[in-house]
N, C-alpha and C. Protein backbone atom coordinates (compact mmCIF):
# COMPACT_ATOMS: atom_id res chain seq x y z
N UNK A 1 -168.32 250.99 71.94
CA UNK A 1 -167.54 251.11 70.72
C UNK A 1 -167.02 249.74 70.33
N UNK A 2 -167.21 249.36 69.10
CA UNK A 2 -166.73 248.06 68.63
C UNK A 2 -165.19 248.01 68.55
N UNK A 3 -164.66 246.83 68.82
CA UNK A 3 -163.21 246.64 68.74
C UNK A 3 -162.69 246.97 67.35
N UNK A 4 -163.43 246.60 66.31
CA UNK A 4 -162.97 246.86 64.95
C UNK A 4 -162.80 248.36 64.70
N UNK A 5 -163.69 249.18 65.22
CA UNK A 5 -163.57 250.63 65.07
C UNK A 5 -162.30 251.15 65.74
N UNK A 6 -162.04 250.62 66.93
CA UNK A 6 -160.83 251.03 67.66
C UNK A 6 -159.57 250.63 66.90
N UNK A 7 -159.54 249.40 66.41
CA UNK A 7 -158.36 248.93 65.68
C UNK A 7 -158.17 249.69 64.37
N UNK A 8 -159.28 249.96 63.69
CA UNK A 8 -159.19 250.73 62.44
C UNK A 8 -158.65 252.13 62.71
N UNK A 9 -159.15 252.76 63.77
CA UNK A 9 -158.69 254.11 64.11
C UNK A 9 -157.21 254.12 64.44
N UNK A 10 -156.75 253.10 65.14
CA UNK A 10 -155.34 253.06 65.57
C UNK A 10 -154.41 252.47 64.53
N UNK A 11 -154.95 251.97 63.44
CA UNK A 11 -154.12 251.36 62.40
C UNK A 11 -153.33 252.39 61.60
N UNK A 12 -153.82 253.61 61.54
CA UNK A 12 -153.18 254.64 60.72
C UNK A 12 -152.08 255.34 61.51
N UNK A 13 -150.88 255.49 60.93
CA UNK A 13 -149.78 256.13 61.66
C UNK A 13 -150.03 257.60 61.99
N UNK A 14 -150.77 258.31 61.17
CA UNK A 14 -151.08 259.71 61.47
C UNK A 14 -151.98 259.79 62.70
N UNK A 15 -152.95 258.91 62.77
CA UNK A 15 -153.85 258.92 63.93
C UNK A 15 -153.11 258.48 65.20
N UNK A 16 -152.19 257.54 65.06
CA UNK A 16 -151.39 257.16 66.24
C UNK A 16 -150.54 258.33 66.70
N UNK A 17 -150.04 259.12 65.78
CA UNK A 17 -149.27 260.31 66.13
C UNK A 17 -150.13 261.29 66.92
N UNK A 18 -151.35 261.50 66.48
CA UNK A 18 -152.27 262.40 67.18
C UNK A 18 -152.51 261.89 68.59
N UNK A 19 -152.77 260.60 68.72
CA UNK A 19 -153.03 260.00 70.04
C UNK A 19 -151.82 260.16 70.95
N UNK A 20 -150.63 259.89 70.43
CA UNK A 20 -149.41 260.02 71.25
C UNK A 20 -149.20 261.46 71.69
N UNK A 21 -149.44 262.41 70.80
CA UNK A 21 -149.25 263.82 71.17
C UNK A 21 -150.25 264.24 72.24
N UNK A 22 -151.50 263.82 72.10
CA UNK A 22 -152.50 264.18 73.10
C UNK A 22 -152.22 263.54 74.44
N UNK A 23 -151.64 262.36 74.43
CA UNK A 23 -151.35 261.66 75.69
C UNK A 23 -150.35 262.41 76.54
N UNK A 24 -149.50 263.20 75.92
CA UNK A 24 -148.47 263.92 76.66
C UNK A 24 -148.87 265.32 77.07
N UNK A 25 -150.13 265.68 76.89
CA UNK A 25 -150.59 267.04 77.17
C UNK A 25 -151.79 267.03 78.11
N UNK A 26 -151.98 268.12 78.85
CA UNK A 26 -153.21 268.24 79.64
C UNK A 26 -154.44 268.32 78.71
N UNK A 27 -155.57 267.87 79.22
CA UNK A 27 -156.81 267.92 78.45
C UNK A 27 -157.12 269.34 77.99
N UNK A 28 -157.67 269.42 76.80
CA UNK A 28 -158.20 270.67 76.24
C UNK A 28 -157.13 271.73 76.01
N UNK A 29 -155.90 271.35 75.75
CA UNK A 29 -154.85 272.35 75.53
C UNK A 29 -154.31 272.34 74.10
N UNK A 30 -154.73 271.39 73.28
CA UNK A 30 -154.17 271.29 71.92
C UNK A 30 -155.30 271.40 70.90
N UNK A 31 -155.21 272.43 70.06
CA UNK A 31 -156.20 272.64 69.01
C UNK A 31 -155.83 271.83 67.77
N UNK A 32 -156.82 271.46 67.01
CA UNK A 32 -156.60 270.64 65.81
C UNK A 32 -155.58 271.27 64.86
N UNK A 33 -155.68 272.56 64.66
CA UNK A 33 -154.80 273.23 63.72
C UNK A 33 -153.36 273.35 64.16
N UNK A 34 -153.05 272.98 65.40
CA UNK A 34 -151.69 273.13 65.89
C UNK A 34 -150.86 271.85 65.79
N UNK A 35 -151.47 270.78 65.31
CA UNK A 35 -150.73 269.53 65.11
C UNK A 35 -149.92 269.64 63.83
N UNK A 36 -148.65 269.28 63.91
CA UNK A 36 -147.81 269.23 62.71
C UNK A 36 -147.93 267.84 62.13
N UNK A 37 -148.73 267.73 61.07
CA UNK A 37 -148.98 266.44 60.44
C UNK A 37 -148.71 266.55 58.94
N UNK A 38 -148.22 265.47 58.34
CA UNK A 38 -147.87 265.50 56.91
C UNK A 38 -149.07 265.26 56.00
N UNK A 39 -150.19 265.93 56.30
CA UNK A 39 -151.42 265.74 55.53
C UNK A 39 -152.09 267.09 55.30
N UNK A 40 -153.03 267.11 54.37
CA UNK A 40 -153.78 268.33 54.09
C UNK A 40 -154.78 268.60 55.21
N UNK A 41 -155.35 269.80 55.20
CA UNK A 41 -156.33 270.18 56.23
C UNK A 41 -157.55 269.25 56.18
N UNK A 42 -158.01 268.91 54.97
CA UNK A 42 -159.17 268.03 54.83
C UNK A 42 -158.86 266.63 55.37
N UNK A 43 -157.68 266.13 55.09
CA UNK A 43 -157.29 264.81 55.58
C UNK A 43 -157.13 264.83 57.09
N UNK A 44 -156.59 265.91 57.61
CA UNK A 44 -156.45 266.08 59.05
C UNK A 44 -157.84 266.01 59.71
N UNK A 45 -158.81 266.69 59.15
CA UNK A 45 -160.18 266.67 59.68
C UNK A 45 -160.74 265.26 59.67
N UNK A 46 -160.46 264.52 58.60
CA UNK A 46 -160.92 263.13 58.52
C UNK A 46 -160.31 262.29 59.64
N UNK A 47 -159.02 262.44 59.88
CA UNK A 47 -158.36 261.67 60.93
C UNK A 47 -158.97 261.98 62.31
N UNK A 48 -159.23 263.23 62.58
CA UNK A 48 -159.86 263.59 63.85
C UNK A 48 -161.27 263.00 63.95
N UNK A 49 -162.01 262.99 62.85
CA UNK A 49 -163.36 262.42 62.85
C UNK A 49 -163.32 260.92 63.13
N UNK A 50 -162.36 260.22 62.57
CA UNK A 50 -162.23 258.78 62.82
C UNK A 50 -161.91 258.52 64.29
N UNK A 51 -160.98 259.29 64.84
CA UNK A 51 -160.63 259.13 66.26
C UNK A 51 -161.82 259.43 67.17
N UNK A 52 -162.57 260.45 66.82
CA UNK A 52 -163.75 260.83 67.60
C UNK A 52 -164.81 259.73 67.52
N UNK A 53 -165.07 259.21 66.33
CA UNK A 53 -166.07 258.16 66.14
C UNK A 53 -165.70 256.87 66.88
N UNK A 54 -164.41 256.61 67.00
CA UNK A 54 -163.95 255.40 67.68
C UNK A 54 -163.93 255.58 69.20
N UNK A 55 -164.21 256.79 69.66
CA UNK A 55 -164.23 257.04 71.10
C UNK A 55 -162.88 257.33 71.71
N UNK A 56 -161.89 257.58 70.88
CA UNK A 56 -160.54 257.85 71.39
C UNK A 56 -160.34 259.28 71.83
N UNK A 57 -161.00 260.21 71.18
CA UNK A 57 -160.85 261.61 71.54
C UNK A 57 -162.21 262.25 71.72
N UNK A 58 -162.19 263.35 72.42
CA UNK A 58 -163.36 264.21 72.59
C UNK A 58 -162.91 265.60 72.16
N UNK A 59 -163.82 266.33 71.52
CA UNK A 59 -163.47 267.67 71.06
C UNK A 59 -164.51 268.67 71.55
N UNK A 60 -164.03 269.91 71.73
CA UNK A 60 -164.95 271.00 72.05
C UNK A 60 -164.43 272.27 71.40
N UNK A 61 -165.37 273.10 71.02
CA UNK A 61 -165.02 274.35 70.37
C UNK A 61 -164.90 275.46 71.39
N UNK A 62 -163.84 276.24 71.25
CA UNK A 62 -163.64 277.45 72.04
C UNK A 62 -163.29 278.56 71.07
N UNK A 63 -164.26 279.39 70.78
CA UNK A 63 -164.06 280.42 69.78
C UNK A 63 -163.77 279.75 68.44
N UNK A 64 -162.73 280.20 67.75
CA UNK A 64 -162.43 279.62 66.44
C UNK A 64 -161.61 278.33 66.52
N UNK A 65 -161.28 277.90 67.73
CA UNK A 65 -160.42 276.72 67.89
C UNK A 65 -161.22 275.50 68.34
N UNK A 66 -160.81 274.35 67.86
CA UNK A 66 -161.39 273.08 68.32
C UNK A 66 -160.33 272.36 69.13
N UNK A 67 -160.60 272.25 70.43
CA UNK A 67 -159.65 271.65 71.36
C UNK A 67 -159.94 270.16 71.54
N UNK A 68 -158.91 269.42 71.92
CA UNK A 68 -159.00 267.96 71.98
C UNK A 68 -158.62 267.42 73.34
N UNK A 69 -159.20 266.26 73.63
CA UNK A 69 -158.87 265.53 74.84
C UNK A 69 -158.82 264.06 74.49
N UNK A 70 -157.74 263.39 74.88
CA UNK A 70 -157.65 261.95 74.73
C UNK A 70 -158.51 261.31 75.81
N UNK A 71 -159.41 260.43 75.44
CA UNK A 71 -160.31 259.77 76.38
C UNK A 71 -159.63 258.51 76.90
N UNK A 72 -158.46 258.68 77.47
CA UNK A 72 -157.63 257.55 77.88
C UNK A 72 -158.37 256.64 78.87
N UNK A 73 -158.87 257.20 79.96
CA UNK A 73 -159.50 256.39 81.01
C UNK A 73 -160.70 255.63 80.46
N UNK A 74 -161.56 256.31 79.74
CA UNK A 74 -162.76 255.69 79.19
C UNK A 74 -162.40 254.58 78.20
N UNK A 75 -161.43 254.86 77.32
CA UNK A 75 -161.03 253.90 76.32
C UNK A 75 -160.35 252.70 76.96
N UNK A 76 -159.51 252.97 77.96
CA UNK A 76 -158.78 251.88 78.63
C UNK A 76 -159.72 250.98 79.42
N UNK A 77 -160.83 251.50 79.89
CA UNK A 77 -161.80 250.66 80.58
C UNK A 77 -162.43 249.65 79.62
N UNK A 78 -162.62 250.07 78.37
CA UNK A 78 -163.22 249.20 77.37
C UNK A 78 -162.20 248.25 76.76
N UNK A 79 -161.00 248.77 76.48
CA UNK A 79 -159.94 247.98 75.85
C UNK A 79 -158.66 248.10 76.68
N UNK A 80 -158.61 247.41 77.80
CA UNK A 80 -157.45 247.54 78.71
C UNK A 80 -156.12 247.24 78.02
N UNK A 81 -155.19 248.18 78.16
CA UNK A 81 -153.84 247.99 77.65
C UNK A 81 -153.62 248.37 76.20
N UNK A 82 -154.69 248.54 75.42
CA UNK A 82 -154.52 248.84 74.00
C UNK A 82 -153.83 250.19 73.78
N UNK A 83 -154.27 251.21 74.49
CA UNK A 83 -153.63 252.52 74.34
C UNK A 83 -152.19 252.50 74.85
N UNK A 84 -151.94 251.73 75.88
CA UNK A 84 -150.56 251.64 76.39
C UNK A 84 -149.63 251.08 75.32
N UNK A 85 -150.09 250.12 74.54
CA UNK A 85 -149.28 249.58 73.44
C UNK A 85 -149.00 250.65 72.38
N UNK A 86 -150.03 251.42 72.07
CA UNK A 86 -149.86 252.50 71.08
C UNK A 86 -148.89 253.55 71.59
N UNK A 87 -149.04 253.92 72.86
CA UNK A 87 -148.18 254.96 73.43
C UNK A 87 -146.74 254.49 73.58
N UNK A 88 -146.54 253.20 73.75
CA UNK A 88 -145.18 252.66 73.90
C UNK A 88 -144.48 252.51 72.55
N UNK A 89 -145.24 252.48 71.48
CA UNK A 89 -144.68 252.32 70.15
C UNK A 89 -143.81 253.53 69.80
N UNK A 90 -142.67 253.28 69.24
CA UNK A 90 -141.81 254.36 68.78
C UNK A 90 -142.38 254.93 67.49
N UNK A 91 -142.48 256.22 67.42
CA UNK A 91 -142.98 256.87 66.20
C UNK A 91 -141.98 256.65 65.08
N UNK A 92 -142.50 256.36 63.91
CA UNK A 92 -141.64 256.20 62.74
C UNK A 92 -141.37 257.57 62.15
N UNK A 93 -140.24 257.75 61.47
CA UNK A 93 -139.92 259.06 60.91
C UNK A 93 -141.05 259.55 59.99
N UNK A 94 -141.39 260.82 60.16
CA UNK A 94 -142.42 261.43 59.33
C UNK A 94 -143.82 261.28 59.89
N UNK A 95 -143.96 260.64 61.07
CA UNK A 95 -145.30 260.52 61.65
C UNK A 95 -145.35 261.18 63.00
């Protein structure tokens, strides 16, 4: 995965919110529709697609739900410390 893709994915505050929420949960326990985000369903889908394309998340379908996993270990091997910076960042109000 190119560094530019990773930086672009992490540049958006909504996507950083998704990453931070997934980091605090066990793998495969949070469905896309259960995230409280200040965006429409279509925009939410776009944000998940960007994160998936950048290699930050993995998704799998279970019935009608699409579950998520933060690919922390894999991503950190490629970009050491980058996710730690994102996770340490304080969320801004509304994100």
